[in-house]
């Protein structure tokens, strides 16, 4: 997996890879993910000429207030040696909110 400092989409791709590997859809089409189960992935950041291990963990569903009102979103946490990212995805697996823990950085999709 290639990461770039300048693009948030790469975190979304990591989330998709995790969801595809760790989660299953039930008979009704609902996504079923194991809680608190970490998966390890290798990443490469060409800008920094560095590789790193990253863990991804499903933290459940959470109600989040966005422009359109409250939404029930999937919550994932991505961790590596450079920090922790929390991602909230809608039911179409689009990242709606991203938070860099401890850095006062938040991104919300319009």
PDB file of N, CA and C in Angstrom:
ATOM      1  N   UNK A   1       0.845  -1.167   0.000  1.00  0.00           N
ATOM      2  CA  UNK A   1       0.000   0.000   0.000  1.00  0.00           C
ATOM      3  C   UNK A   1       0.895   1.236   0.000  1.00  0.00           C
ATOM      4  N   UNK A   2       0.622   2.169  -0.895  1.00  0.00           N
ATOM      5  CA  UNK A   2       1.408   3.392  -1.007  1.00  0.00           C
ATOM      6  C   UNK A   2       0.673   4.507  -0.275  1.00  0.00           C
ATOM      7  N   UNK A   3       1.386   5.220   0.576  1.00  0.00           N
ATOM      8  CA  UNK A   3       0.833   6.377   1.279  1.00  0.00           C
ATOM      9  C   UNK A   3       1.564   7.625   0.807  1.00  0.00           C
ATOM     10  N   UNK A   4       0.868   8.721   0.781  1.00  0.00           N
ATOM     11  CA  UNK A   4       1.474   9.996   0.435  1.00  0.00           C
ATOM     12  C   UNK A   4       1.003  11.008   1.460  1.00  0.00           C
ATOM     13  N   UNK A   5       1.901  11.847   1.934  1.00  0.00           N
ATOM     14  CA  UNK A   5       1.559  12.831   2.955  1.00  0.00           C
ATOM     15  C   UNK A   5       0.458  13.788   2.522  1.00  0.00           C
ATOM     16  N   UNK A   6       0.308  13.993   1.234  1.00  0.00           N
ATOM     17  CA  UNK A   6      -0.562  15.038   0.746  1.00  0.00           C
ATOM     18  C   UNK A   6      -1.969  14.581   0.365  1.00  0.00           C
ATOM     19  N   UNK A   7      -2.286  13.308   0.457  1.00  0.00           N
ATOM     20  CA  UNK A   7      -3.584  12.828   0.004  1.00  0.00           C
ATOM     21  C   UNK A   7      -4.278  12.004   1.076  1.00  0.00           C
ATOM     22  N   UNK A   8      -5.481  12.440   1.453  1.00  0.00           N
ATOM     23  CA  UNK A   8      -6.277  11.714   2.429  1.00  0.00           C
ATOM     24  C   UNK A   8      -6.901  10.467   1.822  1.00  0.00           C
ATOM     25  N   UNK A   9      -7.055  10.420   0.510  1.00  0.00           N
ATOM     26  CA  UNK A   9      -7.689   9.281  -0.152  1.00  0.00           C
ATOM     27  C   UNK A   9      -6.971   7.971   0.167  1.00  0.00           C
ATOM     28  N   UNK A  10      -5.678   8.043   0.432  1.00  0.00           N
ATOM     29  CA  UNK A  10      -4.917   6.829   0.715  1.00  0.00           C
ATOM     30  C   UNK A  10      -5.376   6.186   2.016  1.00  0.00           C
ATOM     31  N   UNK A  11      -5.783   7.007   2.977  1.00  0.00           N
ATOM     32  CA  UNK A  11      -6.324   6.441   4.219  1.00  0.00           C
ATOM     33  C   UNK A  11      -7.660   5.762   3.939  1.00  0.00           C
ATOM     34  N   UNK A  12      -8.436   6.327   3.020  1.00  0.00           N
ATOM     35  CA  UNK A  12      -9.698   5.714   2.636  1.00  0.00           C
ATOM     36  C   UNK A  12      -9.454   4.355   1.983  1.00  0.00           C
ATOM     37  N   UNK A  13      -8.435   4.263   1.137  1.00  0.00           N
ATOM     38  CA  UNK A  13      -8.109   2.986   0.494  1.00  0.00           C
ATOM     39  C   UNK A  13      -7.672   1.959   1.539  1.00  0.00           C
ATOM     40  N   UNK A  14      -6.898   2.374   2.536  1.00  0.00           N
ATOM     41  CA  UNK A  14      -6.530   1.460   3.626  1.00  0.00           C
ATOM     42  C   UNK A  14      -7.777   0.967   4.357  1.00  0.00           C
ATOM     43  N   UNK A  15      -8.724   1.863   4.590  1.00  0.00           N
ATOM     44  CA  UNK A  15      -9.973   1.467   5.251  1.00  0.00           C
ATOM     45  C   UNK A  15     -10.715   0.440   4.407  1.00  0.00           C
ATOM     46  N   UNK A  16     -10.785   0.651   3.091  1.00  0.00           N
ATOM     47  CA  UNK A  16     -11.458  -0.300   2.205  1.00  0.00           C
ATOM     48  C   UNK A  16     -10.772  -1.657   2.233  1.00  0.00           C
ATOM     49  N   UNK A  17      -9.450  -1.641   2.226  1.00  0.00           N
ATOM     50  CA  UNK A  17      -8.704  -2.905   2.251  1.00  0.00           C
ATOM     51  C   UNK A  17      -9.004  -3.666   3.542  1.00  0.00           C
ATOM     52  N   UNK A  18      -9.017  -2.961   4.668  1.00  0.00           N
ATOM     53  CA  UNK A  18      -9.327  -3.588   5.952  1.00  0.00           C
ATOM     54  C   UNK A  18     -10.758  -4.145   5.947  1.00  0.00           C
ATOM     55  N   UNK A  19     -11.728  -3.324   5.521  1.00  0.00           N
ATOM     56  CA  UNK A  19     -13.126  -3.759   5.523  1.00  0.00           C
ATOM     57  C   UNK A  19     -13.324  -4.975   4.630  1.00  0.00           C
ATOM     58  N   UNK A  20     -12.636  -5.007   3.489  1.00  0.00           N
ATOM     59  CA  UNK A  20     -12.752  -6.142   2.577  1.00  0.00           C
ATOM     60  C   UNK A  20     -12.157  -7.414   3.143  1.00  0.00           C
ATOM     61  N   UNK A  21     -11.105  -7.277   3.955  1.00  0.00           N
ATOM     62  CA  UNK A  21     -10.432  -8.449   4.509  1.00  0.00           C
ATOM     63  C   UNK A  21     -11.029  -8.917   5.835  1.00  0.00           C
ATOM     64  N   UNK A  22     -11.448  -7.991   6.694  1.00  0.00           N
ATOM     65  CA  UNK A  22     -11.842  -8.351   8.057  1.00  0.00           C
ATOM     66  C   UNK A  22     -13.350  -8.473   8.259  1.00  0.00           C
ATOM     67  N   UNK A  23     -14.147  -7.873   7.374  1.00  0.00           N
ATOM     68  CA  UNK A  23     -15.588  -7.814   7.591  1.00  0.00           C
ATOM     69  C   UNK A  23     -16.337  -8.688   6.584  1.00  0.00           C
ATOM     70  N   UNK A  24     -17.555  -9.026   6.944  1.00  0.00           N
ATOM     71  CA  UNK A  24     -18.415  -9.841   6.087  1.00  0.00           C
ATOM     72  C   UNK A  24     -19.788  -9.178   6.024  1.00  0.00           C
ATOM     73  N   UNK A  25     -20.524  -9.440   4.931  1.00  0.00           N
ATOM     74  CA  UNK A  25     -21.893  -8.955   4.839  1.00  0.00           C
ATOM     75  C   UNK A  25     -22.840 -10.085   5.216  1.00  0.00           C
ATOM     76  N   UNK A  26     -23.851  -9.742   6.025  1.00  0.00           N
ATOM     77  CA  UNK A  26     -24.834 -10.757   6.401  1.00  0.00           C
ATOM     78  C   UNK A  26     -25.872 -10.906   5.287  1.00  0.00           C
ATOM     79  N   UNK A  27     -26.886 -11.739   5.513  1.00  0.00           N
ATOM     80  CA  UNK A  27     -27.917 -12.022   4.502  1.00  0.00           C
ATOM     81  C   UNK A  27     -28.711 -10.785   4.093  1.00  0.00           C
ATOM     82  N   UNK A  28     -28.774  -9.789   4.969  1.00  0.00           N
ATOM     83  CA  UNK A  28     -29.520  -8.559   4.683  1.00  0.00           C
ATOM     84  C   UNK A  28     -28.629  -7.484   4.055  1.00  0.00           C
ATOM     85  N   UNK A  29     -27.367  -7.805   3.812  1.00  0.00           N
ATOM     86  CA  UNK A  29     -26.448  -6.843   3.209  1.00  0.00           C
ATOM     87  C   UNK A  29     -25.772  -5.916   4.198  1.00  0.00           C
ATOM     88  N   UNK A  30     -25.987  -6.148   5.493  1.00  0.00           N
ATOM     89  CA  UNK A  30     -25.376  -5.318   6.530  1.00  0.00           C
ATOM     90  C   UNK A  30     -23.947  -5.784   6.786  1.00  0.00           C
ATOM     91  N   UNK A  31     -23.043  -4.835   6.969  1.00  0.00           N
ATOM     92  CA  UNK A  31     -21.645  -5.151   7.213  1.00  0.00           C
ATOM     93  C   UNK A  31     -21.450  -5.600   8.662  1.00  0.00           C
ATOM     94  N   UNK A  32     -20.785  -6.711   8.860  1.00  0.00           N
ATOM     95  CA  UNK A  32     -20.482  -7.242  10.183  1.00  0.00           C
ATOM     96  C   UNK A  32     -18.964  -7.274  10.349  1.00  0.00           C
ATOM     97  N   UNK A  33     -18.445  -6.456  11.261  1.00  0.00           N
ATOM     98  CA  UNK A  33     -17.004  -6.385  11.501  1.00  0.00           C
ATOM     99  C   UNK A  33     -16.715  -6.776  12.947  1.00  0.00           C
ATOM    100  N   UNK A  34     -15.634  -7.496  13.170  1.00  0.00           N
ATOM    101  CA  UNK A  34     -15.280  -7.839  14.547  1.00  0.00           C
ATOM    102  C   UNK A  34     -14.779  -6.605  15.291  1.00  0.00           C
ATOM    103  N   UNK A  35     -15.327  -6.373  16.481  1.00  0.00           N
ATOM    104  CA  UNK A  35     -14.894  -5.234  17.291  1.00  0.00           C
ATOM    105  C   UNK A  35     -13.508  -5.479  17.878  1.00  0.00           C
ATOM    106  N   UNK A  36     -12.739  -4.417  17.934  1.00  0.00           N
ATOM    107  CA  UNK A  36     -11.427  -4.412  18.601  1.00  0.00           C
ATOM    108  C   UNK A  36     -10.478  -5.480  18.063  1.00  0.00           C
ATOM    109  N   UNK A  37     -10.583  -5.796  16.793  1.00  0.00           N
ATOM    110  CA  UNK A  37      -9.652  -6.735  16.175  1.00  0.00           C
ATOM    111  C   UNK A  37      -8.739  -5.950  15.238  1.00  0.00           C
ATOM    112  N   UNK A  38      -7.458  -5.914  15.574  1.00  0.00           N
ATOM    113  CA  UNK A  38      -6.497  -5.154  14.766  1.00  0.00           C
ATOM    114  C   UNK A  38      -5.946  -5.997  13.632  1.00  0.00           C
ATOM    115  N   UNK A  39      -5.777  -5.330  12.514  1.00  0.00           N
ATOM    116  CA  UNK A  39      -5.119  -5.956  11.372  1.00  0.00           C
ATOM    117  C   UNK A  39      -3.869  -5.142  11.065  1.00  0.00           C
ATOM    118  N   UNK A  40      -2.789  -5.818  10.747  1.00  0.00           N
ATOM    119  CA  UNK A  40      -1.534  -5.149  10.406  1.00  0.00           C
ATOM    120  C   UNK A  40      -1.382  -5.079   8.896  1.00  0.00           C
ATOM    121  N   UNK A  41      -0.925  -3.929   8.398  1.00  0.00           N
ATOM    122  CA  UNK A  41      -0.659  -3.737   6.974  1.00  0.00           C
ATOM    123  C   UNK A  41       0.681  -3.037   6.819  1.00  0.00           C
ATOM    124  N   UNK A  42       1.375  -3.382   5.767  1.00  0.00           N
ATOM    125  CA  UNK A  42       2.595  -2.667   5.446  1.00  0.00           C
ATOM    126  C   UNK A  42       2.285  -1.490   4.544  1.00  0.00           C
ATOM    127  N   UNK A  43       2.966  -0.381   4.743  1.00  0.00           N
ATOM    128  CA  UNK A  43       2.760   0.806   3.912  1.00  0.00           C
ATOM    129  C   UNK A  43       4.108   1.339   3.440  1.00  0.00           C
ATOM    130  N   UNK A  44       4.057   2.113   2.368  1.00  0.00           N
ATOM    131  CA  UNK A  44       5.248   2.756   1.819  1.00  0.00           C
ATOM    132  C   UNK A  44       4.907   4.208   1.561  1.00  0.00           C
ATOM    133  N   UNK A  45       5.730   5.124   2.033  1.00  0.00           N
ATOM    134  CA  UNK A  45       5.549   6.551   1.800  1.00  0.00           C
ATOM    135  C   UNK A  45       6.702   7.026   0.923  1.00  0.00           C
ATOM    136  N   UNK A  46       6.483   7.202  -0.394  1.00  0.00           N
ATOM    137  CA  UNK A  46       7.572   7.574  -1.280  1.00  0.00           C
ATOM    138  C   UNK A  46       8.120   8.968  -1.003  1.00  0.00           C
ATOM    139  N   UNK A  47       7.279   9.886  -0.514  1.00  0.00           N
ATOM    140  CA  UNK A  47       7.730  11.247  -0.208  1.00  0.00           C
ATOM    141  C   UNK A  47       8.802  11.241   0.883  1.00  0.00           C
ATOM    142  N   UNK A  48       8.610  10.395   1.867  1.00  0.00           N
ATOM    143  CA  UNK A  48       9.549  10.314   2.986  1.00  0.00           C
ATOM    144  C   UNK A  48      10.584   9.210   2.802  1.00  0.00           C
ATOM    145  N   UNK A  49      10.503   8.478   1.703  1.00  0.00           N
ATOM    146  CA  UNK A  49      11.401   7.340   1.467  1.00  0.00           C
ATOM    147  C   UNK A  49      11.388   6.404   2.668  1.00  0.00           C
ATOM    148  N   UNK A  50      10.170   6.059   3.100  1.00  0.00           N
ATOM    149  CA  UNK A  50      10.033   5.253   4.310  1.00  0.00           C
ATOM    150  C   UNK A  50       8.927   4.223   4.151  1.00  0.00           C
ATOM    151  N   UNK A  51       9.111   3.110   4.827  1.00  0.00           N
ATOM    152  CA  UNK A  51       8.058   2.114   4.935  1.00  0.00           C
ATOM    153  C   UNK A  51       7.705   1.975   6.408  1.00  0.00           C
ATOM    154  N   UNK A  52       6.493   1.514   6.664  1.00  0.00           N
ATOM    155  CA  UNK A  52       6.067   1.382   8.050  1.00  0.00           C
ATOM    156  C   UNK A  52       4.932   0.379   8.145  1.00  0.00           C
ATOM    157  N   UNK A  53       4.780  -0.171   9.317  1.00  0.00           N
ATOM    158  CA  UNK A  53       3.628  -1.023   9.600  1.00  0.00           C
ATOM    159  C   UNK A  53       2.501  -0.135  10.109  1.00  0.00           C
ATOM    160  N   UNK A  54       1.287  -0.490   9.734  1.00  0.00           N
ATOM    161  CA  UNK A  54       0.126   0.251  10.201  1.00  0.00           C
ATOM    162  C   UNK A  54      -0.898  -0.751  10.705  1.00  0.00           C
ATOM    163  N   UNK A  55      -1.531  -0.419  11.818  1.00  0.00           N
ATOM    164  CA  UNK A  55      -2.623  -1.267  12.301  1.00  0.00           C
ATOM    165  C   UNK A  55      -3.944  -0.549  12.057  1.00  0.00           C
ATOM    166  N   UNK A  56      -4.958  -1.339  11.740  1.00  0.00           N
ATOM    167  CA  UNK A  56      -6.301  -0.815  11.504  1.00  0.00           C
ATOM    168  C   UNK A  56      -7.239  -1.584  12.414  1.00  0.00           C
ATOM    169  N   UNK A  57      -8.149  -0.855  13.048  1.00  0.00           N
ATOM    170  CA  UNK A  57      -9.074  -1.483  13.997  1.00  0.00           C
ATOM    171  C   UNK A  57     -10.471  -0.900  13.814  1.00  0.00           C
ATOM    172  N   UNK A  58     -11.490  -1.763  13.811  1.00  0.00           N
ATOM    173  CA  UNK A  58     -12.883  -1.341  13.745  1.00  0.00           C
ATOM    174  C   UNK A  58     -13.346  -1.003  15.154  1.00  0.00           C
ATOM    175  N   UNK A  59     -13.878   0.216  15.342  1.00  0.00           N
ATOM    176  CA  UNK A  59     -14.306   0.649  16.672  1.00  0.00           C
ATOM    177  C   UNK A  59     -15.822   0.684  16.836  1.00  0.00           C
ATOM    178  N   UNK A  60     -16.555   0.241  15.819  1.00  0.00           N
ATOM    179  CA  UNK A  60     -18.013   0.199  15.917  1.00  0.00           C
ATOM    180  C   UNK A  60     -18.670   1.271  15.081  1.00  0.00           C
ATOM    181  N   UNK A  61     -19.915   1.547  15.397  1.00  0.00           N
ATOM    182  CA  UNK A  61     -20.670   2.601  14.719  1.00  0.00           C
ATOM    183  C   UNK A  61     -20.854   3.750  15.700  1.00  0.00           C
ATOM    184  N   UNK A  62     -20.934   4.960  15.161  1.00  0.00           N
ATOM    185  CA  UNK A  62     -21.052   6.145  16.013  1.00  0.00           C
ATOM    186  C   UNK A  62     -21.915   7.185  15.301  1.00  0.00           C
ATOM    187  N   UNK A  63     -22.780   7.857  16.059  1.00  0.00           N
ATOM    188  CA  UNK A  63     -23.565   8.961  15.506  1.00  0.00           C
ATOM    189  C   UNK A  63     -22.665  10.199  15.461  1.00  0.00           C
ATOM    190  N   UNK A  64     -22.605  10.811  14.269  1.00  0.00           N
ATOM    191  CA  UNK A  64     -21.773  11.986  14.056  1.00  0.00           C
ATOM    192  C   UNK A  64     -22.631  13.076  13.432  1.00  0.00           C
ATOM    193  N   UNK A  65     -22.542  14.299  13.951  1.00  0.00           N
ATOM    194  CA  UNK A  65     -23.266  15.428  13.377  1.00  0.00           C
ATOM    195  C   UNK A  65     -22.457  16.016  12.234  1.00  0.00           C
ATOM    196  N   UNK A  66     -23.026  15.958  11.040  1.00  0.00           N
ATOM    197  CA  UNK A  66     -22.419  16.551   9.854  1.00  0.00           C
ATOM    198  C   UNK A  66     -23.393  17.588   9.308  1.00  0.00           C
ATOM    199  N   UNK A  67     -23.053  18.225   8.199  1.00  0.00           N
ATOM    200  CA  UNK A  67     -23.901  19.274   7.633  1.00  0.00           C
ATOM    201  C   UNK A  67     -25.343  18.825   7.406  1.00  0.00           C
ATOM    202  N   UNK A  68     -25.530  17.611   6.945  1.00  0.00           N
ATOM    203  CA  UNK A  68     -26.872  17.102   6.671  1.00  0.00           C
ATOM    204  C   UNK A  68     -27.611  16.629   7.911  1.00  0.00           C
ATOM    205  N   UNK A  69     -27.021  16.756   9.079  1.00  0.00           N
ATOM    206  CA  UNK A  69     -27.619  16.285  10.315  1.00  0.00           C
ATOM    207  C   UNK A  69     -26.878  15.064  10.837  1.00  0.00           C
ATOM    208  N   UNK A  70     -27.393  14.447  11.906  1.00  0.00           N
ATOM    209  CA  UNK A  70     -26.710  13.294  12.485  1.00  0.00           C
ATOM    210  C   UNK A  70     -26.731  12.084  11.545  1.00  0.00           C
ATOM    211  N   UNK A  71     -25.599  11.396  11.485  1.00  0.00           N
ATOM    212  CA  UNK A  71     -25.467  10.193  10.662  1.00  0.00           C
ATOM    213  C   UNK A  71     -24.832   9.094  11.494  1.00  0.00           C
ATOM    214  N   UNK A  72     -25.253   7.867  11.243  1.00  0.00           N
ATOM    215  CA  UNK A  72     -24.697   6.689  11.903  1.00  0.00           C
ATOM    216  C   UNK A  72     -23.573   6.161  11.006  1.00  0.00           C
ATOM    217  N   UNK A  73     -22.321   6.308  11.440  1.00  0.00           N
ATOM    218  CA  UNK A  73     -21.166   5.993  10.601  1.00  0.00           C
ATOM    219  C   UNK A  73     -20.302   4.895  11.216  1.00  0.00           C
ATOM    220  N   UNK A  74     -19.588   4.178  10.353  1.00  0.00           N
ATOM    221  CA  UNK A  74     -18.578   3.211  10.794  1.00  0.00           C
ATOM    222  C   UNK A  74     -17.363   3.986  11.281  1.00  0.00           C
ATOM    223  N   UNK A  75     -16.729   3.522  12.340  1.00  0.00           N
ATOM    224  CA  UNK A  75     -15.546   4.202  12.870  1.00  0.00           C
ATOM    225  C   UNK A  75     -14.363   3.243  12.859  1.00  0.00           C
ATOM    226  N   UNK A  76     -13.268   3.685  12.243  1.00  0.00           N
ATOM    227  CA  UNK A  76     -12.027   2.921  12.189  1.00  0.00           C
ATOM    228  C   UNK A  76     -10.909   3.756  12.786  1.00  0.00           C
ATOM    229  N   UNK A  77      -9.894   3.058  13.285  1.00  0.00           N
ATOM    230  CA  UNK A  77      -8.702   3.734  13.784  1.00  0.00           C
ATOM    231  C   UNK A  77      -7.483   3.154  13.092  1.00  0.00           C
ATOM    232  N   UNK A  78      -6.671   4.038  12.509  1.00  0.00           N
ATOM    233  CA  UNK A  78      -5.430   3.655  11.837  1.00  0.00           C
ATOM    234  C   UNK A  78      -4.278   4.183  12.676  1.00  0.00           C
ATOM    235  N   UNK A  79      -3.333   3.307  13.013  1.00  0.00           N
ATOM    236  CA  UNK A  79      -2.190   3.707  13.839  1.00  0.00           C
ATOM    237  C   UNK A  79      -0.897   3.265  13.184  1.00  0.00           C
ATOM    238  N   UNK A  80       0.086   4.164  13.221  1.00  0.00           N
ATOM    239  CA  UNK A  80       1.448   3.792  12.880  1.00  0.00           C
ATOM    240  C   UNK A  80       2.383   4.621  13.744  1.00  0.00           C
ATOM    241  N   UNK A  81       3.670   4.504  13.498  1.00  0.00           N
ATOM    242  CA  UNK A  81       4.641   5.178  14.356  1.00  0.00           C
ATOM    243  C   UNK A  81       4.536   6.696  14.304  1.00  0.00           C
ATOM    244  N   UNK A  82       3.923   7.234  13.243  1.00  0.00           N
ATOM    245  CA  UNK A  82       3.825   8.685  13.137  1.00  0.00           C
ATOM    246  C   UNK A  82       2.532   9.250  13.711  1.00  0.00           C
ATOM    247  N   UNK A  83       1.595   8.389  14.107  1.00  0.00           N
ATOM    248  CA  UNK A  83       0.384   8.915  14.717  1.00  0.00           C
ATOM    249  C   UNK A  83      -0.829   8.028  14.557  1.00  0.00           C
ATOM    250  N   UNK A  84      -1.950   8.571  14.992  1.00  0.00           N
ATOM    251  CA  UNK A  84      -3.226   7.866  14.974  1.00  0.00           C
ATOM    252  C   UNK A  84      -4.246   8.689  14.204  1.00  0.00           C
ATOM    253  N   UNK A  85      -4.924   8.033  13.274  1.00  0.00           N
ATOM    254  CA  UNK A  85      -6.000   8.643  12.495  1.00  0.00           C
ATOM    255  C   UNK A  85      -7.287   7.915  12.838  1.00  0.00           C
ATOM    256  N   UNK A  86      -8.357   8.668  13.044  1.00  0.00           N
ATOM    257  CA  UNK A  86      -9.675   8.070  13.192  1.00  0.00           C
ATOM    258  C   UNK A  86     -10.494   8.463  11.974  1.00  0.00           C
ATOM    259  N   UNK A  87     -11.183   7.484  11.391  1.00  0.00           N
ATOM    260  CA  UNK A  87     -11.973   7.678  10.180  1.00  0.00           C
ATOM    261  C   UNK A  87     -13.405   7.253  10.435  1.00  0.00           C
ATOM    262  N   UNK A  88     -14.359   8.030   9.914  1.00  0.00           N
ATOM    263  CA  UNK A  88     -15.772   7.694   9.964  1.00  0.00           C
ATOM    264  C   UNK A  88     -16.250   7.544   8.533  1.00  0.00           C
ATOM    265  N   UNK A  89     -16.822   6.386   8.205  1.00  0.00           N
ATOM    266  CA  UNK A  89     -17.272   6.081   6.852  1.00  0.00           C
ATOM    267  C   UNK A  89     -18.782   5.880   6.834  1.00  0.00           C
ATOM    268  N   UNK A  90     -19.406   6.305   5.724  1.00  0.00           N
ATOM    269  CA  UNK A  90     -20.840   6.082   5.582  1.00  0.00           C
ATOM    270  C   UNK A  90     -21.091   4.666   5.064  1.00  0.00           C
ATOM    271  N   UNK A  91     -22.341   4.336   4.784  1.00  0.00           N
ATOM    272  CA  UNK A  91     -22.679   2.980   4.358  1.00  0.00           C
ATOM    273  C   UNK A  91     -22.232   2.673   2.930  1.00  0.00           C
ATOM    274  N   UNK A  92     -21.788   3.694   2.194  1.00  0.00           N
ATOM    275  CA  UNK A  92     -21.205   3.477   0.866  1.00  0.00           C
ATOM    276  C   UNK A  92     -19.674   3.450   0.960  1.00  0.00           C
ATOM    277  N   UNK A  93     -19.157   3.438   2.186  1.00  0.00           N
ATOM    278  CA  UNK A  93     -17.728   3.339   2.500  1.00  0.00           C
ATOM    279  C   UNK A  93     -16.925   4.553   2.049  1.00  0.00           C
ATOM    280  N   UNK A  94     -17.567   5.712   2.002  1.00  0.00           N
ATOM    281  CA  UNK A  94     -16.866   6.968   1.747  1.00  0.00           C
ATOM    282  C   UNK A  94     -16.480   7.573   3.085  1.00  0.00           C
ATOM    283  N   UNK A  95     -15.255   8.060   3.195  1.00  0.00           N
ATOM    284  CA  UNK A  95     -14.831   8.724   4.423  1.00  0.00           C
ATOM    285  C   UNK A  95     -15.566  10.052   4.518  1.00  0.00           C
ATOM    286  N   UNK A  96     -16.305  10.235   5.601  1.00  0.00           N
ATOM    287  CA  UNK A  96     -17.070  11.455   5.821  1.00  0.00           C
ATOM    288  C   UNK A  96     -16.367  12.395   6.794  1.00  0.00           C
ATOM    289  N   UNK A  97     -15.553  11.804   7.671  1.00  0.00           N
ATOM    290  CA  UNK A  97     -14.842  12.609   8.669  1.00  0.00           C
ATOM    291  C   UNK A  97     -13.530  11.917   8.983  1.00  0.00           C
ATOM    292  N   UNK A  98     -12.490  12.704   9.179  1.00  0.00           N
ATOM    293  CA  UNK A  98     -11.174  12.195   9.530  1.00  0.00           C
ATOM    294  C   UNK A  98     -10.604  13.065  10.635  1.00  0.00           C
ATOM    295  N   UNK A  99      -9.954  12.440  11.587  1.00  0.00           N
ATOM    296  CA  UNK A  99      -9.370  13.163  12.704  1.00  0.00           C
ATOM    297  C   UNK A  99      -7.967  12.633  12.951  1.00  0.00           C
ATOM    298  N   UNK A 100      -7.001  13.537  13.027  1.00  0.00           N
ATOM    299  CA  UNK A 100      -5.647  13.155  13.409  1.00  0.00           C
ATOM    300  C   UNK A 100      -5.567  13.381  14.919  1.00  0.00           C
ATOM    301  N   UNK A 101      -5.507  12.299  15.679  1.00  0.00           N
ATOM    302  CA  UNK A 101      -5.565  12.354  17.138  1.00  0.00           C
ATOM    303  C   UNK A 101      -4.356  13.110  17.683  1.00  0.00           C
ATOM    304  N   UNK A 102      -4.615  14.070  18.563  1.00  0.00           N
ATOM    305  CA  UNK A 102      -3.554  14.814  19.229  1.00  0.00           C
ATOM    306  C   UNK A 102      -2.952  15.940  18.412  1.00  0.00           C
ATOM    307  N   UNK A 103      -3.455  16.171  17.195  1.00  0.00           N
ATOM    308  CA  UNK A 103      -2.876  17.227  16.359  1.00  0.00           C
ATOM    309  C   UNK A 103      -3.876  18.323  16.007  1.00  0.00           C
ATOM    310  N   UNK A 104      -5.080  18.272  16.579  1.00  0.00           N
ATOM    311  CA  UNK A 104      -6.082  19.285  16.315  1.00  0.00           C
ATOM    312  C   UNK A 104      -6.354  19.436  14.813  1.00  0.00           C
ATOM    313  N   UNK A 105      -6.333  18.304  14.087  1.00  0.00           N
ATOM    314  CA  UNK A 105      -6.601  18.301  12.650  1.00  0.00           C
ATOM    315  C   UNK A 105      -7.837  17.454  12.389  1.00  0.00           C
ATOM    316  N   UNK A 106      -8.823  18.066  11.738  1.00  0.00           N
ATOM    317  CA  UNK A 106     -10.048  17.372  11.400  1.00  0.00           C
ATOM    318  C   UNK A 106     -10.442  17.735   9.972  1.00  0.00           C
ATOM    319  N   UNK A 107     -10.887  16.733   9.216  1.00  0.00           N
ATOM    320  CA  UNK A 107     -11.358  16.946   7.858  1.00  0.00           C
ATOM    321  C   UNK A 107     -12.765  16.380   7.781  1.00  0.00           C
ATOM    322  N   UNK A 108     -13.695  17.176   7.245  1.00  0.00           N
ATOM    323  CA  UNK A 108     -15.089  16.745   7.096  1.00  0.00           C
ATOM    324  C   UNK A 108     -15.463  16.908   5.634  1.00  0.00           C
ATOM    325  N   UNK A 109     -16.015  15.845   5.053  1.00  0.00           N
ATOM    326  CA  UNK A 109     -16.433  15.888   3.646  1.00  0.00           C
ATOM    327  C   UNK A 109     -17.689  16.742   3.516  1.00  0.00           C
ATOM    328  N   UNK A 110     -17.728  17.583   2.484  1.00  0.00           N
ATOM    329  CA  UNK A 110     -18.919  18.400   2.201  1.00  0.00           C
ATOM    330  C   UNK A 110     -20.037  17.560   1.660  1.00  0.00           C
TER     331      UNK A 110
END
